[in-house]
Amino acid sequence: MVSVVAMGIAEKRSPVVFPRHQKVLLQLGENIKLACKRRKLTQTRIAERTGLSRMTIRKIEQGDASVAIGHYVSVLAVLGLVDDLLGVARDDELGRKLQDIELLRKKGE
């Protein structure tokens, strides 16, 4: 018997998203939905412009974690908001603090 993976068809697994992080996705989906409404763009129109299905657009508007980030990017591009993603992790305050601690520790040696 040939396994599903051996045939090149991998099982689709949903990512594990903790409730606190799910709230972020829900907010993102709501923000996208509002941006569409403000621009008077229907799910059908967004689907046509992105090449995604209406079901996928609906999932994005619901903040569904199983939708690939590339699909979120496609919708944001249609809305003219894709550059907003460039702000993510731009100012890595924790990373800089950790780096500074390491630099100070090396200096003191």
PDB file of N, CA and C in Angstrom:
ATOM      1  N   MET A   1       0.837  -1.170   0.000  1.00  0.00           N
ATOM      2  CA  MET A   1       0.000   0.000   0.000  1.00  0.00           C
ATOM      3  C   MET A   1       0.889   1.244   0.000  1.00  0.00           C
ATOM      4  N   VAL A   2       0.566   2.234  -0.817  1.00  0.00           N
ATOM      5  CA  VAL A   2       1.341   3.463  -0.931  1.00  0.00           C
ATOM      6  C   VAL A   2       0.781   4.479   0.051  1.00  0.00           C
ATOM      7  N   SER A   3       1.674   5.094   0.822  1.00  0.00           N
ATOM      8  CA  SER A   3       1.208   6.093   1.795  1.00  0.00           C
ATOM      9  C   SER A   3       0.857   7.389   1.079  1.00  0.00           C
ATOM     10  N   VAL A   4       0.066   8.196   1.748  1.00  0.00           N
ATOM     11  CA  VAL A   4      -0.346   9.482   1.193  1.00  0.00           C
ATOM     12  C   VAL A   4       0.869  10.377   0.995  1.00  0.00           C
ATOM     13  N   VAL A   5       1.786  10.390   1.948  1.00  0.00           N
ATOM     14  CA  VAL A   5       2.978  11.222   1.843  1.00  0.00           C
ATOM     15  C   VAL A   5       3.860  10.745   0.703  1.00  0.00           C
ATOM     16  N   ALA A   6       3.994   9.433   0.520  1.00  0.00           N
ATOM     17  CA  ALA A   6       4.815   8.884  -0.557  1.00  0.00           C
ATOM     18  C   ALA A   6       4.268   9.281  -1.922  1.00  0.00           C
ATOM     19  N   MET A   7       2.972   9.489  -2.017  1.00  0.00           N
ATOM     20  CA  MET A   7       2.362   9.898  -3.278  1.00  0.00           C
ATOM     21  C   MET A   7       2.538  11.395  -3.523  1.00  0.00           C
ATOM     22  N   GLY A   8       3.159  12.097  -2.569  1.00  0.00           N
ATOM     23  CA  GLY A   8       3.361  13.529  -2.745  1.00  0.00           C
ATOM     24  C   GLY A   8       2.186  14.360  -2.263  1.00  0.00           C
ATOM     25  N   ILE A   9       1.255  13.723  -1.601  1.00  0.00           N
ATOM     26  CA  ILE A   9       0.091  14.434  -1.079  1.00  0.00           C
ATOM     27  C   ILE A   9       0.223  14.448   0.442  1.00  0.00           C
ATOM     28  N   ALA A  10       0.660  15.550   0.965  1.00  0.00           N
ATOM     29  CA  ALA A  10       0.858  15.650   2.412  1.00  0.00           C
ATOM     30  C   ALA A  10      -0.458  15.996   3.093  1.00  0.00           C
ATOM     31  N   GLU A  11      -0.580  15.506   4.320  1.00  0.00           N
ATOM     32  CA  GLU A  11      -1.756  15.862   5.107  1.00  0.00           C
ATOM     33  C   GLU A  11      -1.713  17.338   5.417  1.00  0.00           C
ATOM     34  N   LYS A  12      -2.857  17.984   5.357  1.00  0.00           N
ATOM     35  CA  LYS A  12      -2.923  19.394   5.704  1.00  0.00           C
ATOM     36  C   LYS A  12      -3.163  19.492   7.193  1.00  0.00           C
ATOM     37  N   ARG A  13      -2.232  20.129   7.882  1.00  0.00           N
ATOM     38  CA  ARG A  13      -2.358  20.288   9.323  1.00  0.00           C
ATOM     39  C   ARG A  13      -2.589  21.753   9.632  1.00  0.00           C
ATOM     40  N   SER A  14      -3.478  22.005  10.555  1.00  0.00           N
ATOM     41  CA  SER A  14      -3.708  23.369  10.999  1.00  0.00           C
ATOM     42  C   SER A  14      -2.667  23.723  12.048  1.00  0.00           C
ATOM     43  N   PRO A  15      -2.182  24.961  12.017  1.00  0.00           N
ATOM     44  CA  PRO A  15      -1.194  25.358  13.017  1.00  0.00           C
ATOM     45  C   PRO A  15      -1.821  25.446  14.402  1.00  0.00           C
ATOM     46  N   VAL A  16      -0.995  25.224  15.406  1.00  0.00           N
ATOM     47  CA  VAL A  16      -1.448  25.369  16.782  1.00  0.00           C
ATOM     48  C   VAL A  16      -1.301  26.846  17.138  1.00  0.00           C
ATOM     49  N   VAL A  17      -2.407  27.484  17.437  1.00  0.00           N
ATOM     50  CA  VAL A  17      -2.391  28.896  17.792  1.00  0.00           C
ATOM     51  C   VAL A  17      -3.036  29.035  19.165  1.00  0.00           C
ATOM     52  N   PHE A  18      -2.273  29.592  20.089  1.00  0.00           N
ATOM     53  CA  PHE A  18      -2.781  29.777  21.441  1.00  0.00           C
ATOM     54  C   PHE A  18      -3.855  30.862  21.450  1.00  0.00           C
ATOM     55  N   PRO A  19      -4.790  30.784  22.395  1.00  0.00           N
ATOM     56  CA  PRO A  19      -5.908  31.745  22.437  1.00  0.00           C
ATOM     57  C   PRO A  19      -5.471  33.210  22.389  1.00  0.00           C
ATOM     58  N   ARG A  20      -4.409  33.538  23.099  1.00  0.00           N
ATOM     59  CA  ARG A  20      -3.937  34.926  23.106  1.00  0.00           C
ATOM     60  C   ARG A  20      -3.528  35.374  21.707  1.00  0.00           C
ATOM     61  N   HIS A  21      -2.894  34.467  20.975  1.00  0.00           N
ATOM     62  CA  HIS A  21      -2.451  34.795  19.624  1.00  0.00           C
ATOM     63  C   HIS A  21      -3.614  34.742  18.630  1.00  0.00           C
ATOM     64  N   GLN A  22      -4.605  33.909  18.922  1.00  0.00           N
ATOM     65  CA  GLN A  22      -5.788  33.842  18.067  1.00  0.00           C
ATOM     66  C   GLN A  22      -6.506  35.187  18.055  1.00  0.00           C
ATOM     67  N   LYS A  23      -6.471  35.875  19.191  1.00  0.00           N
ATOM     68  CA  LYS A  23      -7.099  37.204  19.260  1.00  0.00           C
ATOM     69  C   LYS A  23      -6.442  38.171  18.289  1.00  0.00           C
ATOM     70  N   VAL A  24      -5.128  38.039  18.106  1.00  0.00           N
ATOM     71  CA  VAL A  24      -4.412  38.892  17.154  1.00  0.00           C
ATOM     72  C   VAL A  24      -4.898  38.604  15.739  1.00  0.00           C
ATOM     73  N   LEU A  25      -5.031  37.325  15.402  1.00  0.00           N
ATOM     74  CA  LEU A  25      -5.528  36.957  14.076  1.00  0.00           C
ATOM     75  C   LEU A  25      -6.963  37.423  13.864  1.00  0.00           C
ATOM     76  N   LEU A  26      -7.785  37.287  14.899  1.00  0.00           N
ATOM     77  CA  LEU A  26      -9.173  37.752  14.796  1.00  0.00           C
ATOM     78  C   LEU A  26      -9.210  39.252  14.523  1.00  0.00           C
ATOM     79  N   GLN A  27      -8.352  40.008  15.209  1.00  0.00           N
ATOM     80  CA  GLN A  27      -8.298  41.454  15.002  1.00  0.00           C
ATOM     81  C   GLN A  27      -7.806  41.786  13.600  1.00  0.00           C
ATOM     82  N   LEU A  28      -6.791  41.048  13.132  1.00  0.00           N
ATOM     83  CA  LEU A  28      -6.290  41.255  11.772  1.00  0.00           C
ATOM     84  C   LEU A  28      -7.406  41.007  10.757  1.00  0.00           C
ATOM     85  N   GLY A  29      -8.122  39.904  10.936  1.00  0.00           N
ATOM     86  CA  GLY A  29      -9.225  39.599  10.031  1.00  0.00           C
ATOM     87  C   GLY A  29     -10.284  40.685  10.036  1.00  0.00           C
ATOM     88  N   GLU A  30     -10.616  41.177  11.219  1.00  0.00           N
ATOM     89  CA  GLU A  30     -11.619  42.246  11.329  1.00  0.00           C
ATOM     90  C   GLU A  30     -11.107  43.525  10.662  1.00  0.00           C
ATOM     91  N   ASN A  31      -9.827  43.832  10.846  1.00  0.00           N
ATOM     92  CA  ASN A  31      -9.254  45.019  10.205  1.00  0.00           C
ATOM     93  C   ASN A  31      -9.321  44.909   8.688  1.00  0.00           C
ATOM     94  N   ILE A  32      -9.030  43.726   8.175  1.00  0.00           N
ATOM     95  CA  ILE A  32      -9.095  43.498   6.724  1.00  0.00           C
ATOM     96  C   ILE A  32     -10.534  43.633   6.241  1.00  0.00           C
ATOM     97  N   LYS A  33     -11.461  43.056   6.974  1.00  0.00           N
ATOM     98  CA  LYS A  33     -12.871  43.139   6.598  1.00  0.00           C
ATOM     99  C   LYS A  33     -13.342  44.590   6.554  1.00  0.00           C
ATOM    100  N   LEU A  34     -12.968  45.372   7.559  1.00  0.00           N
ATOM    101  CA  LEU A  34     -13.350  46.785   7.589  1.00  0.00           C
ATOM    102  C   LEU A  34     -12.715  47.561   6.441  1.00  0.00           C
ATOM    103  N   ALA A  35     -11.461  47.253   6.132  1.00  0.00           N
ATOM    104  CA  ALA A  35     -10.779  47.922   5.018  1.00  0.00           C
ATOM    105  C   ALA A  35     -11.495  47.622   3.696  1.00  0.00           C
ATOM    106  N   CYS A  36     -11.951  46.395   3.538  1.00  0.00           N
ATOM    107  CA  CYS A  36     -12.715  46.025   2.330  1.00  0.00           C
ATOM    108  C   CYS A  36     -14.010  46.807   2.264  1.00  0.00           C
ATOM    109  N   LYS A  37     -14.711  46.868   3.376  1.00  0.00           N
ATOM    110  CA  LYS A  37     -15.991  47.577   3.412  1.00  0.00           C
ATOM    111  C   LYS A  37     -15.804  49.068   3.128  1.00  0.00           C
ATOM    112  N   ARG A  38     -14.764  49.665   3.711  1.00  0.00           N
ATOM    113  CA  ARG A  38     -14.501  51.085   3.475  1.00  0.00           C
ATOM    114  C   ARG A  38     -14.260  51.359   1.996  1.00  0.00           C
ATOM    115  N   ARG A  39     -13.647  50.408   1.326  1.00  0.00           N
ATOM    116  CA  ARG A  39     -13.350  50.557  -0.099  1.00  0.00           C
ATOM    117  C   ARG A  39     -14.482  50.037  -0.984  1.00  0.00           C
ATOM    118  N   LYS A  40     -15.543  49.581  -0.328  1.00  0.00           N
ATOM    119  CA  LYS A  40     -16.711  49.024  -1.024  1.00  0.00           C
ATOM    120  C   LYS A  40     -16.317  47.857  -1.931  1.00  0.00           C
ATOM    121  N   LEU A  41     -15.409  47.010  -1.411  1.00  0.00           N
ATOM    122  CA  LEU A  41     -14.974  45.815  -2.132  1.00  0.00           C
ATOM    123  C   LEU A  41     -15.623  44.595  -1.495  1.00  0.00           C
ATOM    124  N   THR A  42     -16.354  43.851  -2.292  1.00  0.00           N
ATOM    125  CA  THR A  42     -17.010  42.639  -1.805  1.00  0.00           C
ATOM    126  C   THR A  42     -16.018  41.488  -1.761  1.00  0.00           C
ATOM    127  N   GLN A  43     -16.403  40.409  -1.072  1.00  0.00           N
ATOM    128  CA  GLN A  43     -15.573  39.210  -1.056  1.00  0.00           C
ATOM    129  C   GLN A  43     -15.377  38.692  -2.481  1.00  0.00           C
ATOM    130  N   THR A  44     -16.415  38.776  -3.276  1.00  0.00           N
ATOM    131  CA  THR A  44     -16.325  38.320  -4.673  1.00  0.00           C
ATOM    132  C   THR A  44     -15.289  39.129  -5.437  1.00  0.00           C
ATOM    133  N   ARG A  45     -15.307  40.444  -5.265  1.00  0.00           N
ATOM    134  CA  ARG A  45     -14.352  41.308  -5.976  1.00  0.00           C
ATOM    135  C   ARG A  45     -12.920  41.046  -5.512  1.00  0.00           C
ATOM    136  N   ILE A  46     -12.743  40.889  -4.207  1.00  0.00           N
ATOM    137  CA  ILE A  46     -11.411  40.582  -3.671  1.00  0.00           C
ATOM    138  C   ILE A  46     -10.941  39.232  -4.217  1.00  0.00           C
ATOM    139  N   ALA A  47     -11.837  38.263  -4.258  1.00  0.00           N
ATOM    140  CA  ALA A  47     -11.501  36.936  -4.790  1.00  0.00           C
ATOM    141  C   ALA A  47     -11.060  37.039  -6.254  1.00  0.00           C
ATOM    142  N   GLU A  48     -11.784  37.830  -7.039  1.00  0.00           N
ATOM    143  CA  GLU A  48     -11.430  38.007  -8.451  1.00  0.00           C
ATOM    144  C   GLU A  48     -10.047  38.633  -8.596  1.00  0.00           C
ATOM    145  N   ARG A  49      -9.759  39.627  -7.769  1.00  0.00           N
ATOM    146  CA  ARG A  49      -8.493  40.357  -7.881  1.00  0.00           C
ATOM    147  C   ARG A  49      -7.294  39.578  -7.344  1.00  0.00           C
ATOM    148  N   THR A  50      -7.545  38.653  -6.440  1.00  0.00           N
ATOM    149  CA  THR A  50      -6.440  37.880  -5.854  1.00  0.00           C
ATOM    150  C   THR A  50      -6.294  36.493  -6.458  1.00  0.00           C
ATOM    151  N   GLY A  51      -7.365  35.992  -7.076  1.00  0.00           N
ATOM    152  CA  GLY A  51      -7.354  34.625  -7.578  1.00  0.00           C
ATOM    153  C   GLY A  51      -7.658  33.602  -6.492  1.00  0.00           C
ATOM    154  N   LEU A  52      -8.051  34.084  -5.322  1.00  0.00           N
ATOM    155  CA  LEU A  52      -8.416  33.197  -4.216  1.00  0.00           C
ATOM    156  C   LEU A  52      -9.912  32.927  -4.258  1.00  0.00           C
ATOM    157  N   SER A  53     -10.343  31.894  -3.571  1.00  0.00           N
ATOM    158  CA  SER A  53     -11.774  31.597  -3.506  1.00  0.00           C
ATOM    159  C   SER A  53     -12.462  32.526  -2.507  1.00  0.00           C
ATOM    160  N   ARG A  54     -13.768  32.664  -2.660  1.00  0.00           N
ATOM    161  CA  ARG A  54     -14.533  33.460  -1.689  1.00  0.00           C
ATOM    162  C   ARG A  54     -14.435  32.841  -0.301  1.00  0.00           C
ATOM    163  N   MET A  55     -14.354  31.514  -0.236  1.00  0.00           N
ATOM    164  CA  MET A  55     -14.232  30.842   1.061  1.00  0.00           C
ATOM    165  C   MET A  55     -12.921  31.249   1.746  1.00  0.00           C
ATOM    166  N   THR A  56     -11.849  31.344   0.976  1.00  0.00           N
ATOM    167  CA  THR A  56     -10.568  31.766   1.556  1.00  0.00           C
ATOM    168  C   THR A  56     -10.636  33.214   2.018  1.00  0.00           C
ATOM    169  N   ILE A  57     -11.272  34.072   1.247  1.00  0.00           N
ATOM    170  CA  ILE A  57     -11.441  35.475   1.645  1.00  0.00           C
ATOM    171  C   ILE A  57     -12.240  35.536   2.942  1.00  0.00           C
ATOM    172  N   ARG A  58     -13.287  34.746   3.030  1.00  0.00           N
ATOM    173  CA  ARG A  58     -14.100  34.702   4.251  1.00  0.00           C
ATOM    174  C   ARG A  58     -13.252  34.263   5.443  1.00  0.00           C
ATOM    175  N   LYS A  59     -12.419  33.241   5.235  1.00  0.00           N
ATOM    176  CA  LYS A  59     -11.546  32.757   6.312  1.00  0.00           C
ATOM    177  C   LYS A  59     -10.555  33.842   6.749  1.00  0.00           C
ATOM    178  N   ILE A  60     -10.024  34.579   5.789  1.00  0.00           N
ATOM    179  CA  ILE A  60      -9.095  35.667   6.114  1.00  0.00           C
ATOM    180  C   ILE A  60      -9.810  36.716   6.953  1.00  0.00           C
ATOM    181  N   GLU A  61     -11.012  37.075   6.577  1.00  0.00           N
ATOM    182  CA  GLU A  61     -11.779  38.071   7.332  1.00  0.00           C
ATOM    183  C   GLU A  61     -12.149  37.572   8.724  1.00  0.00           C
ATOM    184  N   GLN A  62     -12.090  36.258   8.919  1.00  0.00           N
ATOM    185  CA  GLN A  62     -12.368  35.673  10.232  1.00  0.00           C
ATOM    186  C   GLN A  62     -11.080  35.429  11.024  1.00  0.00           C
ATOM    187  N   GLY A  63      -9.930  35.739  10.418  1.00  0.00           N
ATOM    188  CA  GLY A  63      -8.655  35.543  11.095  1.00  0.00           C
ATOM    189  C   GLY A  63      -8.277  34.089  11.244  1.00  0.00           C
ATOM    190  N   ASP A  64      -8.618  33.291  10.272  1.00  0.00           N
ATOM    191  CA  ASP A  64      -8.357  31.848  10.303  1.00  0.00           C
ATOM    192  C   ASP A  64      -6.860  31.568  10.194  1.00  0.00           C
ATOM    193  N   ALA A  65      -6.326  30.838  11.178  1.00  0.00           N
ATOM    194  CA  ALA A  65      -4.900  30.527  11.225  1.00  0.00           C
ATOM    195  C   ALA A  65      -4.471  29.518  10.165  1.00  0.00           C
ATOM    196  N   SER A  66      -5.416  28.800   9.583  1.00  0.00           N
ATOM    197  CA  SER A  66      -5.051  27.789   8.590  1.00  0.00           C
ATOM    198  C   SER A  66      -4.779  28.388   7.215  1.00  0.00           C
ATOM    199  N   VAL A  67      -5.088  29.680   7.029  1.00  0.00           N
ATOM    200  CA  VAL A  67      -4.849  30.332   5.744  1.00  0.00           C
ATOM    201  C   VAL A  67      -3.388  30.773   5.683  1.00  0.00           C
ATOM    202  N   ALA A  68      -2.725  30.461   4.590  1.00  0.00           N
ATOM    203  CA  ALA A  68      -1.312  30.806   4.418  1.00  0.00           C
ATOM    204  C   ALA A  68      -1.115  32.315   4.462  1.00  0.00           C
ATOM    205  N   ILE A  69      -0.007  32.728   5.037  1.00  0.00           N
ATOM    206  CA  ILE A  69       0.278  34.157   5.155  1.00  0.00           C
ATOM    207  C   ILE A  69       0.356  34.820   3.776  1.00  0.00           C
ATOM    208  N   GLY A  70       0.765  34.061   2.779  1.00  0.00           N
ATOM    209  CA  GLY A  70       0.811  34.607   1.422  1.00  0.00           C
ATOM    210  C   GLY A  70      -0.553  35.045   0.922  1.00  0.00           C
ATOM    211  N   HIS A  71      -1.593  34.345   1.360  1.00  0.00           N
ATOM    212  CA  HIS A  71      -2.953  34.737   0.964  1.00  0.00           C
ATOM    213  C   HIS A  71      -3.361  36.032   1.655  1.00  0.00           C
ATOM    214  N   TYR A  72      -2.967  36.160   2.917  1.00  0.00           N
ATOM    215  CA  TYR A  72      -3.215  37.429   3.619  1.00  0.00           C
ATOM    216  C   TYR A  72      -2.508  38.563   2.880  1.00  0.00           C
ATOM    217  N   VAL A  73      -1.271  38.317   2.438  1.00  0.00           N
ATOM    218  CA  VAL A  73      -0.501  39.319   1.706  1.00  0.00           C
ATOM    219  C   VAL A  73      -1.208  39.701   0.410  1.00  0.00           C
ATOM    220  N   SER A  74      -1.756  38.726  -0.296  1.00  0.00           N
ATOM    221  CA  SER A  74      -2.464  39.008  -1.548  1.00  0.00           C
ATOM    222  C   SER A  74      -3.641  39.946  -1.321  1.00  0.00           C
ATOM    223  N   VAL A  75      -4.398  39.689  -0.259  1.00  0.00           N
ATOM    224  CA  VAL A  75      -5.554  40.539   0.045  1.00  0.00           C
ATOM    225  C   VAL A  75      -5.079  41.923   0.455  1.00  0.00           C
ATOM    226  N   LEU A  76      -4.067  41.994   1.303  1.00  0.00           N
ATOM    227  CA  LEU A  76      -3.547  43.294   1.724  1.00  0.00           C
ATOM    228  C   LEU A  76      -3.018  44.092   0.539  1.00  0.00           C
ATOM    229  N   ALA A  77      -2.434  43.408  -0.439  1.00  0.00           N
ATOM    230  CA  ALA A  77      -1.931  44.082  -1.639  1.00  0.00           C
ATOM    231  C   ALA A  77      -3.081  44.722  -2.413  1.00  0.00           C
ATOM    232  N   VAL A  78      -4.172  43.994  -2.562  1.00  0.00           N
ATOM    233  CA  VAL A  78      -5.342  44.541  -3.260  1.00  0.00           C
ATOM    234  C   VAL A  78      -5.872  45.781  -2.535  1.00  0.00           C
ATOM    235  N   LEU A  79      -5.775  45.761  -1.219  1.00  0.00           N
ATOM    236  CA  LEU A  79      -6.264  46.887  -0.412  1.00  0.00           C
ATOM    237  C   LEU A  79      -5.252  48.032  -0.338  1.00  0.00           C
ATOM    238  N   GLY A  80      -4.056  47.816  -0.869  1.00  0.00           N
ATOM    239  CA  GLY A  80      -3.014  48.833  -0.798  1.00  0.00           C
ATOM    240  C   GLY A  80      -2.385  48.927   0.582  1.00  0.00           C
ATOM    241  N   LEU A  81      -2.447  47.835   1.339  1.00  0.00           N
ATOM    242  CA  LEU A  81      -1.965  47.835   2.719  1.00  0.00           C
ATOM    243  C   LEU A  81      -0.804  46.878   2.970  1.00  0.00           C
ATOM    244  N   VAL A  82      -0.280  46.272   1.931  1.00  0.00           N
ATOM    245  CA  VAL A  82       0.757  45.252   2.117  1.00  0.00           C
ATOM    246  C   VAL A  82       2.013  45.822   2.785  1.00  0.00           C
ATOM    247  N   ASP A  83       2.323  47.079   2.533  1.00  0.00           N
ATOM    248  CA  ASP A  83       3.519  47.665   3.141  1.00  0.00           C
ATOM    249  C   ASP A  83       3.395  47.788   4.660  1.00  0.00           C
ATOM    250  N   ASP A  84       2.183  47.701   5.179  1.00  0.00           N
ATOM    251  CA  ASP A  84       2.000  47.716   6.635  1.00  0.00           C
ATOM    252  C   ASP A  84       2.747  46.559   7.295  1.00  0.00           C
ATOM    253  N   LEU A  85       2.937  45.475   6.571  1.00  0.00           N
ATOM    254  CA  LEU A  85       3.638  44.313   7.119  1.00  0.00           C
ATOM    255  C   LEU A  85       5.118  44.595   7.365  1.00  0.00           C
ATOM    256  N   LEU A  86       5.648  45.600   6.708  1.00  0.00           N
ATOM    257  CA  LEU A  86       7.065  45.929   6.881  1.00  0.00           C
ATOM    258  C   LEU A  86       7.353  46.429   8.293  1.00  0.00           C
ATOM    259  N   GLY A  87       6.338  46.859   9.002  1.00  0.00           N
ATOM    260  CA  GLY A  87       6.518  47.334  10.370  1.00  0.00           C
ATOM    261  C   GLY A  87       6.631  46.214  11.384  1.00  0.00           C
ATOM    262  N   VAL A  88       6.283  44.998  10.992  1.00  0.00           N
ATOM    263  CA  VAL A  88       6.328  43.866  11.919  1.00  0.00           C
ATOM    264  C   VAL A  88       7.782  43.573  12.286  1.00  0.00           C
ATOM    265  N   ALA A  89       8.067  43.563  13.568  1.00  0.00           N
ATOM    266  CA  ALA A  89       9.392  43.257  14.128  1.00  0.00           C
ATOM    267  C   ALA A  89      10.475  44.240  13.702  1.00  0.00           C
ATOM    268  N   ARG A  90      10.092  45.384  13.173  1.00  0.00           N
ATOM    269  CA  ARG A  90      11.087  46.376  12.755  1.00  0.00           C
ATOM    270  C   ARG A  90      11.883  46.865  13.960  1.00  0.00           C
ATOM    271  N   ASP A  91      11.169  47.217  15.015  1.00  0.00           N
ATOM    272  CA  ASP A  91      11.821  47.691  16.224  1.00  0.00           C
ATOM    273  C   ASP A  91      11.808  46.558  17.244  1.00  0.00           C
ATOM    274  N   ASP A  92      12.822  45.718  17.162  1.00  0.00           N
ATOM    275  CA  ASP A  92      12.918  44.530  18.012  1.00  0.00           C
ATOM    276  C   ASP A  92      13.558  44.910  19.345  1.00  0.00           C
ATOM    277  N   GLU A  93      12.757  45.484  20.215  1.00  0.00           N
ATOM    278  CA  GLU A  93      13.257  45.985  21.495  1.00  0.00           C
ATOM    279  C   GLU A  93      13.878  44.873  22.345  1.00  0.00           C
ATOM    280  N   LEU A  94      13.199  43.743  22.453  1.00  0.00           N
ATOM    281  CA  LEU A  94      13.731  42.632  23.240  1.00  0.00           C
ATOM    282  C   LEU A  94      15.046  42.127  22.652  1.00  0.00           C
ATOM    283  N   GLY A  95      15.105  41.971  21.350  1.00  0.00           N
ATOM    284  CA  GLY A  95      16.322  41.501  20.691  1.00  0.00           C
ATOM    285  C   GLY A  95      17.493  42.434  20.937  1.00  0.00           C
ATOM    286  N   ARG A  96      17.248  43.750  20.883  1.00  0.00           N
ATOM    287  CA  ARG A  96      18.313  44.715  21.141  1.00  0.00           C
ATOM    288  C   ARG A  96      18.785  44.646  22.589  1.00  0.00           C
ATOM    289  N   LYS A  97      17.854  44.482  23.528  1.00  0.00           N
ATOM    290  CA  LYS A  97      18.236  44.365  24.936  1.00  0.00           C
ATOM    291  C   LYS A  97      19.092  43.125  25.167  1.00  0.00           C
ATOM    292  N   LEU A  98      18.693  42.005  24.573  1.00  0.00           N
ATOM    293  CA  LEU A  98      19.476  40.777  24.704  1.00  0.00           C
ATOM    294  C   LEU A  98      20.867  40.942  24.102  1.00  0.00           C
ATOM    295  N   GLN A  99      20.927  41.610  22.967  1.00  0.00           N
ATOM    296  CA  GLN A  99      22.208  41.847  22.309  1.00  0.00           C
ATOM    297  C   GLN A  99      23.085  42.759  23.176  1.00  0.00           C
ATOM    298  N   ASP A 100      22.500  43.797  23.740  1.00  0.00           N
ATOM    299  CA  ASP A 100      23.253  44.711  24.604  1.00  0.00           C
ATOM    300  C   ASP A 100      23.804  43.990  25.829  1.00  0.00           C
ATOM    301  N   ILE A 101      23.009  43.112  26.431  1.00  0.00           N
ATOM    302  CA  ILE A 101      23.460  42.338  27.586  1.00  0.00           C
ATOM    303  C   ILE A 101      24.670  41.502  27.195  1.00  0.00           C
ATOM    304  N   GLU A 102      24.588  40.850  26.036  1.00  0.00           N
ATOM    305  CA  GLU A 102      25.689  40.015  25.552  1.00  0.00           C
ATOM    306  C   GLU A 102      26.928  40.849  25.285  1.00  0.00           C
ATOM    307  N   LEU A 103      26.757  42.020  24.694  1.00  0.00           N
ATOM    308  CA  LEU A 103      27.890  42.896  24.393  1.00  0.00           C
ATOM    309  C   LEU A 103      28.548  43.396  25.683  1.00  0.00           C
ATOM    310  N   LEU A 104      27.739  43.745  26.659  1.00  0.00           N
ATOM    311  CA  LEU A 104      28.282  44.199  27.945  1.00  0.00           C
ATOM    312  C   LEU A 104      29.006  43.075  28.675  1.00  0.00           C
ATOM    313  N   ARG A 105      28.487  41.880  28.584  1.00  0.00           N
ATOM    314  CA  ARG A 105      29.104  40.732  29.231  1.00  0.00           C
ATOM    315  C   ARG A 105      30.466  40.446  28.607  1.00  0.00           C
ATOM    316  N   LYS A 106      30.573  40.511  27.294  1.00  0.00           N
ATOM    317  CA  LYS A 106      31.843  40.269  26.604  1.00  0.00           C
ATOM    318  C   LYS A 106      32.850  41.351  26.938  1.00  0.00           C
ATOM    319  N   LYS A 107      32.380  42.585  27.057  1.00  0.00           N
ATOM    320  CA  LYS A 107      33.263  43.712  27.352  1.00  0.00           C
ATOM    321  C   LYS A 107      33.883  43.567  28.742  1.00  0.00           C
ATOM    322  N   GLY A 108      33.100  43.034  29.678  1.00  0.00           N
ATOM    323  CA  GLY A 108      33.560  42.883  31.058  1.00  0.00           C
ATOM    324  C   GLY A 108      34.508  41.718  31.258  1.00  0.00           C
ATOM    325  N   GLU A 109      34.639  40.858  30.303  1.00  0.00           N
ATOM    326  CA  GLU A 109      35.499  39.666  30.450  1.00  0.00           C
ATOM    327  C   GLU A 109      36.958  40.006  30.360  1.00  0.00           C
TER     328      GLU A 109
END
